[in-house]
């Protein structure tokens, strides 16, 4: 059974940084596209950033220049480095692999 386990969320002040991790227990991790999504209360889940198996990265306009997505295929782990965090970044962050597999989510709260 495939599992995705996110970690690294927490409470941070505006302007601070967090690094999220998503560890996957899946064979052939390197061939799959991966992504981070987030969902704030009362809002739809939205795509934050994606990294293709071939390495191409894409970001939502709202996070471009502040967030960096990366992956370590040897460790079967994906990361999201989040800098200069804003209150509007507060949400539950979910990792996704292959388009159909989701982690349980990790809460990010940006508040003073």
Protein backbone atom coordinates (compact mmCIF):
# COMPACT_ATOMS: atom_id res chain seq x y z
CA UNK A 1 0.00 0.00 0.00
CA UNK A 2 1.38 3.36 -1.06
CA UNK A 3 1.81 5.95 1.66
CA UNK A 4 2.68 9.63 1.49
CA UNK A 5 3.70 11.21 4.76
CA UNK A 6 4.04 14.97 5.02
CA UNK A 7 5.97 16.74 7.76
CA UNK A 8 7.45 20.13 8.56
CA UNK A 9 4.35 22.22 9.08
CA UNK A 10 3.83 24.49 12.05
CA UNK A 11 3.31 28.02 13.28
CA UNK A 12 5.57 30.74 11.93
CA UNK A 13 5.56 34.53 11.95
CA UNK A 14 5.07 36.51 8.75
CA UNK A 15 8.34 36.68 6.86
CA UNK A 16 9.50 33.39 8.30
CA UNK A 17 10.36 30.11 6.60
CA UNK A 18 9.33 26.49 6.73
CA UNK A 19 10.44 23.40 4.86
CA UNK A 20 7.87 20.73 4.15
CA UNK A 21 8.78 17.14 3.36
CA UNK A 22 6.80 14.36 1.75
CA UNK A 23 8.15 10.84 2.06
CA UNK A 24 6.69 8.27 -0.29
CA UNK A 25 6.60 4.51 0.02
CA UNK A 26 6.19 3.72 -3.65
CA UNK A 27 8.25 1.77 -6.11
CA UNK A 28 9.71 3.64 -9.06
CA UNK A 29 9.31 6.98 -7.29
CA UNK A 30 11.45 8.73 -9.87
CA UNK A 31 9.08 8.18 -12.78
CA UNK A 32 6.17 10.03 -11.26
CA UNK A 33 5.20 13.66 -11.33
CA UNK A 34 4.67 15.20 -7.92
CA UNK A 35 3.00 18.29 -6.54
CA UNK A 36 2.12 20.27 -3.46
CA UNK A 37 -1.42 21.53 -3.00
CA UNK A 38 -2.99 23.50 -0.19
CA UNK A 39 -6.44 24.11 1.18
CA UNK A 40 -7.44 26.97 3.45
CA UNK A 41 -10.69 26.91 5.46
CA UNK A 42 -13.67 27.64 3.24
CA UNK A 43 -11.60 27.54 0.06
CA UNK A 44 -10.98 25.00 -2.65
CA UNK A 45 -7.79 23.00 -2.74
CA UNK A 46 -5.27 24.71 -5.02
CA UNK A 47 -2.06 23.71 -6.71
CA UNK A 48 0.97 25.37 -5.16
CA UNK A 49 3.89 23.84 -7.04
CA UNK A 50 4.70 20.82 -9.14
CA UNK A 51 7.81 18.97 -10.22
CA UNK A 52 7.71 16.62 -13.15
CA UNK A 53 9.62 13.37 -13.27
CA UNK A 54 11.87 15.01 -15.87
CA UNK A 55 12.53 17.88 -13.48
CA UNK A 56 10.38 20.67 -14.86
CA UNK A 57 8.97 22.83 -12.09
CA UNK A 58 5.93 25.07 -12.00
CA UNK A 59 4.58 27.42 -9.37
CA UNK A 60 1.36 29.23 -8.63
CA UNK A 61 1.71 32.95 -9.21
CA UNK A 62 1.01 33.59 -5.53
CA UNK A 63 4.12 31.69 -4.39
CA UNK A 64 6.55 32.15 -7.29
CA UNK A 65 9.81 33.61 -6.07
CA UNK A 66 9.14 32.62 -2.46
CA UNK A 67 8.64 28.84 -2.59
CA UNK A 68 10.97 26.22 -4.06
CA UNK A 69 9.92 22.66 -4.85
CA UNK A 70 12.48 19.88 -5.09
CA UNK A 71 12.76 16.12 -4.96
CA UNK A 72 15.32 13.56 -3.91
CA UNK A 73 14.63 10.42 -5.89
CA UNK A 74 17.15 8.35 -3.95
CA UNK A 75 15.31 9.12 -0.72
CA UNK A 76 11.86 9.05 -2.34
CA UNK A 77 11.13 12.42 -0.80
CA UNK A 78 9.77 15.71 -2.09
CA UNK A 79 10.32 19.07 -0.44
CA UNK A 80 8.78 22.51 -0.40
CA UNK A 81 10.97 25.31 0.89
CA UNK A 82 8.74 28.22 1.82
CA UNK A 83 10.32 31.61 2.45
CA UNK A 84 8.87 35.02 3.23
CA UNK A 85 5.66 33.43 4.39
CA UNK A 86 2.50 35.48 4.49
CA UNK A 87 -0.71 35.02 6.49
CA UNK A 88 -2.50 34.09 3.27
CA UNK A 89 -0.19 31.08 2.97
CA UNK A 90 -1.90 29.53 5.99
CA UNK A 91 -3.51 26.25 4.95
CA UNK A 92 -3.24 22.50 5.13
CA UNK A 93 -0.56 21.46 2.65
CA UNK A 94 -0.91 18.13 0.84
CA UNK A 95 1.55 16.27 -1.31
CA UNK A 96 0.38 14.42 -4.36
CA UNK A 97 2.07 11.81 -6.50
CA UNK A 98 0.96 10.41 -9.80
CA UNK A 99 -2.11 12.62 -9.71
CA UNK A 100 -4.20 10.22 -7.67
CA UNK A 101 -2.33 9.61 -4.42
CA UNK A 102 -2.50 12.06 -1.51
CA UNK A 103 -0.87 12.47 1.84
CA UNK A 104 -2.74 13.28 5.03
CA UNK A 105 -1.71 16.92 5.04
CA UNK A 106 0.34 19.15 7.29
CA UNK A 107 -0.90 22.41 8.80
CA UNK A 108 0.94 25.64 8.08
CA UNK A 109 -0.11 28.69 10.05
CA UNK A 110 1.44 32.10 9.45
CA UNK A 111 0.55 34.52 12.18
CA UNK A 112 2.10 37.05 14.51
